[in-house]
Protein backbone atom coordinates (compact mmCIF):
# COMPACT_ATOMS: atom_id res chain seq x y z
CA UNK A 1 35.71 13.15 4.70
CA UNK A 2 32.19 12.74 3.37
CA UNK A 3 30.01 9.75 2.63
CA UNK A 4 29.07 8.90 -0.98
CA UNK A 5 25.49 10.12 -0.56
CA UNK A 6 26.84 13.51 0.61
CA UNK A 7 28.90 13.97 -2.55
CA UNK A 8 27.72 15.18 -6.00
CA UNK A 9 25.04 13.05 -7.71
CA UNK A 10 27.55 11.59 -10.18
CA UNK A 11 29.70 10.27 -7.33
CA UNK A 12 26.66 8.81 -5.62
CA UNK A 13 25.64 7.13 -8.89
CA UNK A 14 29.11 5.59 -9.35
CA UNK A 15 29.08 4.30 -5.79
CA UNK A 16 25.58 2.84 -6.11
CA UNK A 17 26.53 1.10 -9.35
CA UNK A 18 29.65 -0.42 -7.78
CA UNK A 19 27.69 -1.44 -4.71
CA UNK A 20 25.01 -3.32 -6.63
CA UNK A 21 26.88 -4.41 -9.76
CA UNK A 22 30.62 -4.27 -9.02
CA UNK A 23 33.49 -4.86 -9.17
CA UNK A 24 33.74 -3.02 -12.52
CA UNK A 25 36.36 -1.38 -14.66
CA UNK A 26 36.13 2.38 -15.12
CA UNK A 27 35.15 1.83 -18.73
CA UNK A 28 32.28 -0.46 -17.71
CA UNK A 29 31.29 2.02 -15.00
CA UNK A 30 31.00 4.66 -17.69
CA UNK A 31 28.83 2.44 -19.87
CA UNK A 32 26.49 1.52 -17.02
CA UNK A 33 26.14 5.03 -15.59
CA UNK A 34 26.23 7.01 -18.84
CA UNK A 35 29.15 9.09 -17.55
CA UNK A 36 32.21 9.94 -19.61
CA UNK A 37 35.54 8.34 -18.71
CA UNK A 38 36.75 11.71 -17.46
CA UNK A 39 33.69 12.11 -15.24
CA UNK A 40 34.12 8.60 -13.81
CA UNK A 41 37.76 9.33 -12.96
CA UNK A 42 36.87 12.71 -11.42
CA UNK A 43 34.13 11.44 -9.12
CA UNK A 44 36.04 8.27 -8.24
CA UNK A 45 39.05 10.15 -6.92
CA UNK A 46 37.49 11.38 -3.64
CA UNK A 47 35.79 8.01 -3.12
CA UNK A 48 39.20 6.35 -3.40
CA UNK A 49 40.84 8.94 -1.15
CA UNK A 50 38.19 8.51 1.55
CA UNK A 51 38.41 4.73 1.41
CA UNK A 52 34.89 4.04 0.12
CA UNK A 53 36.16 2.24 -2.98
CA UNK A 54 39.44 0.59 -3.93
CA UNK A 55 41.30 -0.78 -6.94
CA UNK A 56 41.55 -4.56 -6.75
CA UNK A 57 43.47 -5.59 -9.87
CA UNK A 58 42.79 -6.59 -13.45
CA UNK A 59 39.72 -8.51 -14.65
CA UNK A 60 40.23 -12.26 -14.96
CA UNK A 61 41.45 -13.19 -18.43
CA UNK A 62 42.14 -9.59 -19.49
CA UNK A 63 44.95 -9.76 -22.04
CA UNK A 64 44.01 -6.84 -24.27
CA UNK A 65 46.88 -4.71 -25.52
CA UNK A 66 47.46 -1.19 -24.24
CA UNK A 67 46.96 0.18 -20.76
CA UNK A 68 45.56 -2.62 -18.56
CA UNK A 69 42.08 -2.17 -17.16
CA UNK A 70 41.71 -2.09 -13.38
CA UNK A 71 38.71 -3.30 -11.44
CA UNK A 72 37.21 -0.93 -8.89
CA UNK A 73 35.10 -2.22 -6.00
CA UNK A 74 33.31 -0.94 -2.93
CA UNK A 75 35.22 -1.47 0.30
CA UNK A 76 32.57 -3.50 2.07
CA UNK A 77 34.11 -3.01 5.52
CA UNK A 78 33.87 0.79 5.24
CA UNK A 79 30.34 0.88 6.73
CA UNK A 80 28.43 -1.36 9.08
CA UNK A 81 24.68 -1.81 9.53
CA UNK A 82 22.53 -3.79 11.95
CA UNK A 83 19.50 -5.68 10.74
CA UNK A 84 16.81 -7.05 13.06
CA UNK A 85 13.95 -9.37 12.16
CA UNK A 86 11.06 -9.28 14.60
CA UNK A 87 8.94 -12.42 14.97
CA UNK A 88 6.08 -13.08 17.37
CA UNK A 89 8.42 -14.49 20.02
CA UNK A 90 12.00 -13.73 19.04
CA UNK A 91 14.39 -11.12 17.67
CA UNK A 92 17.08 -12.19 15.20
CA UNK A 93 19.86 -9.67 14.59
CA UNK A 94 23.01 -9.38 12.51
CA UNK A 95 25.72 -6.80 12.03
CA UNK A 96 26.70 -6.69 8.37
CA UNK A 97 28.98 -4.76 6.06
CA UNK A 98 28.07 -2.79 2.96
CA UNK A 99 27.45 -5.93 0.94
CA UNK A 100 25.20 -7.36 3.68
CA UNK A 101 27.85 -9.95 4.55
CA UNK A 102 27.20 -11.11 8.09
CA UNK A 103 29.87 -10.09 10.60
CA UNK A 104 28.10 -10.99 13.83
CA UNK A 105 24.73 -12.39 14.86
CA UNK A 106 22.66 -12.73 17.99
CA UNK A 107 19.12 -13.60 19.08
CA UNK A 108 16.84 -12.50 21.89
CA UNK A 109 13.62 -14.04 23.13
CA UNK A 110 10.53 -11.83 23.27
CA UNK A 111 8.61 -12.41 26.48
CA UNK A 112 6.07 -9.72 25.69
CA UNK A 113 4.61 -8.15 22.56
CA UNK A 114 4.13 -4.84 24.35
CA UNK A 115 5.65 -2.13 22.14
CA UNK A 116 7.87 -0.72 24.89
CA UNK A 117 9.18 -4.16 25.81
CA UNK A 118 9.96 -5.00 22.17
CA UNK A 119 11.75 -1.68 21.63
CA UNK A 120 13.88 -2.25 24.73
CA UNK A 121 14.71 -5.75 23.51
CA UNK A 122 15.69 -4.42 20.08
CA UNK A 123 17.86 -1.73 21.69
CA UNK A 124 19.61 -4.33 23.84
CA UNK A 125 20.22 -6.59 20.85
CA UNK A 126 21.60 -3.70 18.77
CA UNK A 127 23.85 -2.74 21.68
CA UNK A 128 25.34 -6.22 21.87
CA UNK A 129 25.87 -6.41 18.11
CA UNK A 130 27.58 -3.01 17.95
CA UNK A 131 29.78 -3.38 21.02
CA UNK A 132 33.38 -2.77 20.01
CA UNK A 133 32.48 -2.17 16.36
CA UNK A 134 33.44 0.85 14.31
CA UNK A 135 30.73 3.36 13.50
CA UNK A 136 27.41 1.75 12.63
CA UNK A 137 25.68 3.80 9.94
CA UNK A 138 22.15 2.51 10.37
CA UNK A 139 19.70 0.00 11.78
CA UNK A 140 17.04 -1.77 9.71
CA UNK A 141 14.15 -3.44 11.55
CA UNK A 142 11.80 -5.72 9.65
CA UNK A 143 8.32 -6.82 10.69
CA UNK A 144 5.67 -8.96 9.02
CA UNK A 145 2.52 -7.11 8.02
CA UNK A 146 1.51 -3.73 6.66
CA UNK A 147 4.56 -1.53 7.15
CA UNK A 148 5.07 2.03 5.90
CA UNK A 149 8.80 2.19 5.26
CA UNK A 150 8.77 5.91 4.47
CA UNK A 151 7.37 6.94 7.83
CA UNK A 152 8.74 4.02 9.85
CA UNK A 153 5.26 3.01 10.97
CA UNK A 154 3.92 -0.50 11.49
CA UNK A 155 0.35 0.06 10.36
CA UNK A 156 -0.72 -3.48 11.17
CA UNK A 157 1.16 -6.60 12.19
CA UNK A 158 -1.11 -9.60 12.83
CA UNK A 159 1.52 -11.66 14.62
CA UNK A 160 2.33 -8.86 17.06
CA UNK A 161 -1.21 -7.44 17.13
CA UNK A 162 0.18 -3.94 16.55
CA UNK A 163 -1.71 -1.08 14.97
CA UNK A 164 -0.14 2.28 14.05
CA UNK A 165 3.16 1.80 15.91
CA UNK A 166 5.85 4.39 15.04
CA UNK A 167 8.57 1.79 15.44
CA UNK A 168 11.26 3.63 13.45
CA UNK A 169 11.14 6.70 15.69
CA UNK A 170 11.03 4.60 18.86
CA UNK A 171 14.01 2.42 17.94
CA UNK A 172 16.07 5.39 16.73
CA UNK A 173 15.44 7.19 20.02
CA UNK A 174 16.35 4.08 22.01
CA UNK A 175 19.54 3.25 20.08
CA UNK A 176 20.73 6.67 18.95
CA UNK A 177 21.33 5.21 15.48
CA UNK A 178 19.43 6.20 12.29
CA UNK A 179 16.73 3.56 11.87
CA UNK A 180 14.54 2.38 9.00
CA UNK A 181 11.59 0.02 9.18
CA UNK A 182 10.25 -2.23 6.43
CA UNK A 183 8.16 -5.29 5.76
CA UNK A 184 10.29 -8.38 6.37
CA UNK A 185 9.65 -10.04 3.00
CA UNK A 186 10.30 -6.81 1.12
CA UNK A 187 13.59 -6.41 3.00
CA UNK A 188 14.63 -9.97 2.17
CA UNK A 189 13.81 -9.21 -1.47
CA UNK A 190 16.20 -6.22 -1.36
CA UNK A 191 18.98 -8.47 -0.08
CA UNK A 192 18.26 -11.09 -2.76
CA UNK A 193 18.16 -8.36 -5.42
CA UNK A 194 21.51 -6.90 -4.43
CA UNK A 195 23.51 -9.92 -3.34
CA UNK A 196 21.44 -13.10 -3.65
CA UNK A 197 19.59 -15.21 -6.21
CA UNK A 198 18.01 -12.13 -7.78
CA UNK A 199 21.31 -10.35 -8.49
CA UNK A 200 21.68 -9.44 -12.14
CA UNK A 201 18.05 -10.24 -13.02
CA UNK A 202 15.78 -7.59 -14.50
CA UNK A 203 12.81 -9.08 -12.65
CA UNK A 204 12.10 -11.73 -10.05
CA UNK A 205 9.67 -12.58 -7.28
CA UNK A 206 10.44 -13.95 -3.84
CA UNK A 207 7.69 -16.09 -2.32
CA UNK A 208 8.02 -16.97 1.36
CA UNK A 209 6.22 -19.85 3.01
CA UNK A 210 5.93 -20.20 6.78
CA UNK A 211 3.92 -18.59 9.55
CA UNK A 212 2.56 -16.37 6.78
CA UNK A 213 2.72 -16.37 2.99
CA UNK A 214 4.56 -13.37 1.56
CA UNK A 215 5.89 -12.13 -1.75
CA UNK A 216 8.43 -9.53 -2.76
CA UNK A 217 8.54 -8.27 -6.33
CA UNK A 218 11.54 -6.75 -8.10
CA UNK A 219 11.00 -5.01 -11.44
CA UNK A 220 13.72 -3.22 -13.42
CA UNK A 221 16.03 -3.14 -10.43
CA UNK A 222 13.47 -1.80 -7.97
CA UNK A 223 11.60 -3.62 -5.25
CA UNK A 224 7.94 -2.76 -5.71
CA UNK A 225 6.07 -1.27 -2.75
CA UNK A 226 2.93 -0.09 -4.52
CA UNK A 227 0.96 3.09 -3.96
CA UNK A 228 -0.21 1.87 -0.56
CA UNK A 229 2.90 -0.05 0.52
CA UNK A 230 1.31 -3.50 0.38
CA UNK A 231 2.35 -4.78 -3.06
CA UNK A 232 3.00 -8.52 -3.23
CA UNK A 233 0.57 -9.70 -0.54
CA UNK A 234 -0.15 -12.99 -2.28
CA UNK A 235 -0.99 -14.57 1.04
CA UNK A 236 -4.30 -12.75 0.77
CA UNK A 237 -5.16 -13.73 -2.78
CA UNK A 238 -8.51 -15.56 -2.73
CA UNK A 239 -8.07 -19.13 -3.93
CA UNK A 240 -10.89 -20.87 -2.04
CA UNK A 241 -10.58 -24.35 -0.70
CA UNK A 242 -11.07 -23.38 2.94
CA UNK A 243 -13.64 -21.73 5.17
CA UNK A 244 -10.96 -21.02 7.78
CA UNK A 245 -10.71 -17.34 8.70
CA UNK A 246 -7.39 -15.80 7.66
CA UNK A 247 -5.40 -13.37 9.83
CA UNK A 248 -6.79 -10.60 7.63
CA UNK A 249 -10.36 -11.56 8.57
CA UNK A 250 -11.34 -13.03 5.19
CA UNK A 251 -11.77 -16.65 4.15
CA UNK A 252 -10.33 -18.48 1.16
CA UNK A 253 -6.95 -16.70 1.27
CA UNK A 254 -3.77 -18.56 0.31
CA UNK A 255 -2.52 -17.99 3.86
CA UNK A 256 -5.65 -19.60 5.31
CA UNK A 257 -4.75 -22.80 3.43
CA UNK A 258 -0.95 -22.87 3.12
CA UNK A 259 0.52 -21.21 6.22
CA UNK A 260 2.11 -23.41 8.88
CA UNK A 261 -0.80 -22.79 11.24
CA UNK A 262 -3.37 -23.60 8.56
CA UNK A 263 -1.66 -26.90 7.76
CA UNK A 264 -1.44 -27.87 11.44
CA UNK A 265 -5.08 -26.98 12.03
CA UNK A 266 -6.17 -29.05 9.05
CA UNK A 267 -4.16 -32.10 10.15
CA UNK A 268 -5.51 -31.73 13.69
CA UNK A 269 -9.02 -31.66 12.30
CA UNK A 270 -8.35 -34.69 10.09
CA UNK A 271 -6.78 -36.75 12.89
CA UNK A 272 -8.83 -35.50 15.83
CA UNK A 273 -5.57 -34.84 17.71
CA UNK A 274 -5.66 -31.28 19.08
CA UNK A 275 -2.10 -31.51 20.49
CA UNK A 276 -0.44 -32.26 17.15
CA UNK A 277 2.48 -29.96 16.19
CA UNK A 278 3.88 -28.94 12.81
CA UNK A 279 6.72 -31.43 13.29
CA UNK A 280 4.12 -34.13 13.90
CA UNK A 281 2.25 -33.11 10.73
CA UNK A 282 5.45 -33.26 8.68
CA UNK A 283 6.33 -36.67 10.11
CA UNK A 284 2.87 -38.01 9.29
CA UNK A 285 3.06 -36.54 5.81
CA UNK A 286 6.37 -38.22 5.09
CA UNK A 287 4.89 -41.53 6.22
CA UNK A 288 2.13 -41.09 3.66
CA UNK A 289 -0.63 -40.63 6.24
CA UNK A 290 -3.71 -39.43 4.33
CA UNK A 291 -4.77 -37.02 7.10
CA UNK A 292 -1.52 -35.11 6.64
CA UNK A 293 -0.89 -35.53 2.92
CA UNK A 294 -4.32 -34.02 2.18
CA UNK A 295 -3.42 -30.85 4.05
CA UNK A 296 -0.05 -30.51 2.31
CA UNK A 297 -1.64 -31.20 -1.06
CA UNK A 298 -4.19 -28.43 -0.50
CA UNK A 299 -1.38 -26.09 0.55
CA UNK A 300 0.59 -26.94 -2.59
CA UNK A 301 -2.40 -26.22 -4.79
CA UNK A 302 -2.98 -22.83 -3.15
CA UNK A 303 0.70 -21.90 -3.49
CA UNK A 304 0.79 -23.07 -7.11
CA UNK A 305 -2.22 -20.86 -7.91
CA UNK A 306 -0.63 -17.89 -6.15
CA UNK A 307 2.71 -18.28 -7.93
CA UNK A 308 0.98 -18.69 -11.30
CA UNK A 309 -0.96 -15.47 -10.63
CA UNK A 310 2.26 -13.58 -9.90
CA UNK A 311 3.97 -14.95 -13.01
CA UNK A 312 0.96 -14.27 -15.24
CA UNK A 313 0.70 -10.70 -13.98
CA UNK A 314 4.26 -9.48 -14.47
CA UNK A 315 6.31 -12.27 -16.01
CA UNK A 316 9.42 -12.46 -13.81
CA UNK A 317 12.53 -14.29 -14.94
CA UNK A 318 12.62 -16.25 -11.70
CA UNK A 319 10.51 -17.06 -8.66
CA UNK A 320 12.54 -17.76 -5.52
CA UNK A 321 10.67 -19.86 -2.94
CA UNK A 322 11.95 -19.50 0.61
CA UNK A 323 10.85 -19.24 4.22
CA UNK A 324 10.87 -21.72 7.07
CA UNK A 325 8.18 -23.73 5.29
CA UNK A 326 10.59 -24.97 2.62
CA UNK A 327 11.99 -27.40 5.19
CA UNK A 328 8.96 -29.54 4.33
CA UNK A 329 8.84 -28.48 0.68
CA UNK A 330 9.07 -32.08 -0.49
CA UNK A 331 5.53 -32.65 0.82
CA UNK A 332 3.89 -30.14 -1.52
CA UNK A 333 6.49 -29.50 -4.22
CA UNK A 334 4.84 -31.76 -6.79
CA UNK A 335 1.41 -30.14 -6.36
CA UNK A 336 2.91 -26.65 -6.53
CA UNK A 337 4.63 -27.47 -9.82
CA UNK A 338 1.57 -29.22 -11.29
CA UNK A 339 -0.76 -26.36 -10.40
CA UNK A 340 1.68 -23.69 -11.53
CA UNK A 341 2.24 -25.40 -14.88
CA UNK A 342 -1.50 -25.80 -15.43
CA UNK A 343 -2.34 -22.20 -14.53
CA UNK A 344 0.64 -20.31 -15.99
CA UNK A 345 -0.27 -18.74 -19.31
CA UNK A 346 1.75 -19.72 -22.37
CA UNK A 347 5.48 -19.12 -22.07
CA UNK A 348 5.02 -17.94 -18.47
CA UNK A 349 5.24 -21.63 -17.55
CA UNK A 350 8.95 -21.44 -18.44
CA UNK A 351 9.61 -19.18 -15.45
CA UNK A 352 12.48 -20.50 -13.34
CA UNK A 353 11.27 -21.74 -9.93
CA UNK A 354 14.12 -21.92 -7.40
CA UNK A 355 13.82 -23.25 -3.86
CA UNK A 356 16.20 -21.39 -1.57
CA UNK A 357 16.23 -22.23 2.15
CA UNK A 358 17.27 -19.17 4.16
CA UNK A 359 17.69 -18.96 7.94
CA UNK A 360 16.20 -16.05 9.87
CA UNK A 361 19.68 -14.48 9.97
CA UNK A 362 19.33 -14.00 6.20
CA UNK A 363 16.06 -12.16 6.84
CA UNK A 364 17.87 -9.96 9.35
CA UNK A 365 20.51 -9.28 6.69
CA UNK A 366 17.59 -7.95 4.66
CA UNK A 367 17.09 -5.31 7.33
CA UNK A 368 20.76 -4.35 7.08
CA UNK A 369 20.48 -4.21 3.28
CA UNK A 370 17.45 -1.91 3.51
CA UNK A 371 19.34 0.39 5.89
CA UNK A 372 22.28 0.49 3.48
CA UNK A 373 20.03 1.07 0.50
CA UNK A 374 18.16 3.90 2.21
CA UNK A 375 21.48 5.66 2.93
CA UNK A 376 23.54 4.93 -0.16
CA UNK A 377 21.02 4.16 -2.88
CA UNK A 378 17.82 6.06 -1.99
CA UNK A 379 14.86 6.22 -4.32
C-alpha cells in the first residue's frame, strides 16, 4: 500500500486535483489534468483500492442519457496532520484531516520564548493531539516573521526574538513526525486557497490585521513566496504618518501605524493614560472619543494604502481581510474603503474586499494544510 505521492506522477496529479478541486467525475478529472479517460481510470484504480479516494455517487441534477457519471472524491479521513501556530505567549494546535477539517484542538501557554522550551511545548501539544489517533502523516508549525519553509528555518521572528532557529529539524526530532515550518500568514493563505474563501479563484490576497500586518498572495493556484521567501510583507510598506519605530527597525511602515500595539500606543499618547489596553482603546473608539478615533482613522488609512498597493500591483480577484484585528474592524472600515477606492487604479477599485474573522485555530489549520500540501501536492 503506497501513498499517492509515492505512485506514478499521473496518479499524484489525479490525487492533487481531487484534493484541491474535487469531488469530480472521471471525465472532468481528465479535462482538468489533461489525461485521457483510460489514463484516469488506470491511475485511479490503485488509489481506490488503497482507500485514498472513493466513489460518492452521481453529480446533483445529472440526468444525461447513457452510462451515469460518478463523482470521485478524496477520503479526507485517510490521513491526519497536526498544525501548530506559535504566538509570543501561546501555542494553538489542531489535528486535521486531508481537507484541513478540524478533528481536535488544544492550546498551551508559553512561559518562555527560549527555543528549547518552545520546542518541548510544541512536542507536548502534538503528543496530546495525536494520542489515540491513527497515523499522523505530518506536522506543520507556523511562525510570524521571516521563515524559510524549504529549510525549516526561522530566520527572524520579531515577536519571539529568534534569529536563525532550525525549528523544523528540532520539532521533527522531538516529535518523531515529519515536520514543515512556514510563515503563519502564508500558511493561512494555503488553507484559504484550498478550502476557504480563496477556493476556485485564480488570484487573491489575504491581509491579516493584528499584532502584525501580514499578507499572503495566491497567483494561478500557487501561494507566492518570492525569491527570498518574504513576498507579501505589506506590513513593512512605507506609508508615512508615524515616526514610531517598527519591529523591523524602520519608521513609517504600515505596521508602525496599524498594528494593535501601534494603535494602543497612539491612544495612550493621545489620552496620557499609559495603562490603557486595546480593549480600552476599542471602547473609547466606539464611544466616539477623538483620542481613539484618530488612531483608528490613521490605521485605516495605512491599511487602505497597503491594500490598494497590493491590488494595483497584481490585480487579485479578491482581498480577504482577517486577523484578530477585524474584531474592531468597524472602527476603521470606512477609512480603509475610502482610501482603497481613492488609490486603486482604474478597474482595480472593483476588487472584492471580504472581511473574514478567523480564530487562531484556523491559523493552526493552515499549518496542517501546509504539511498536507508539502506531502501530497509539492512544488
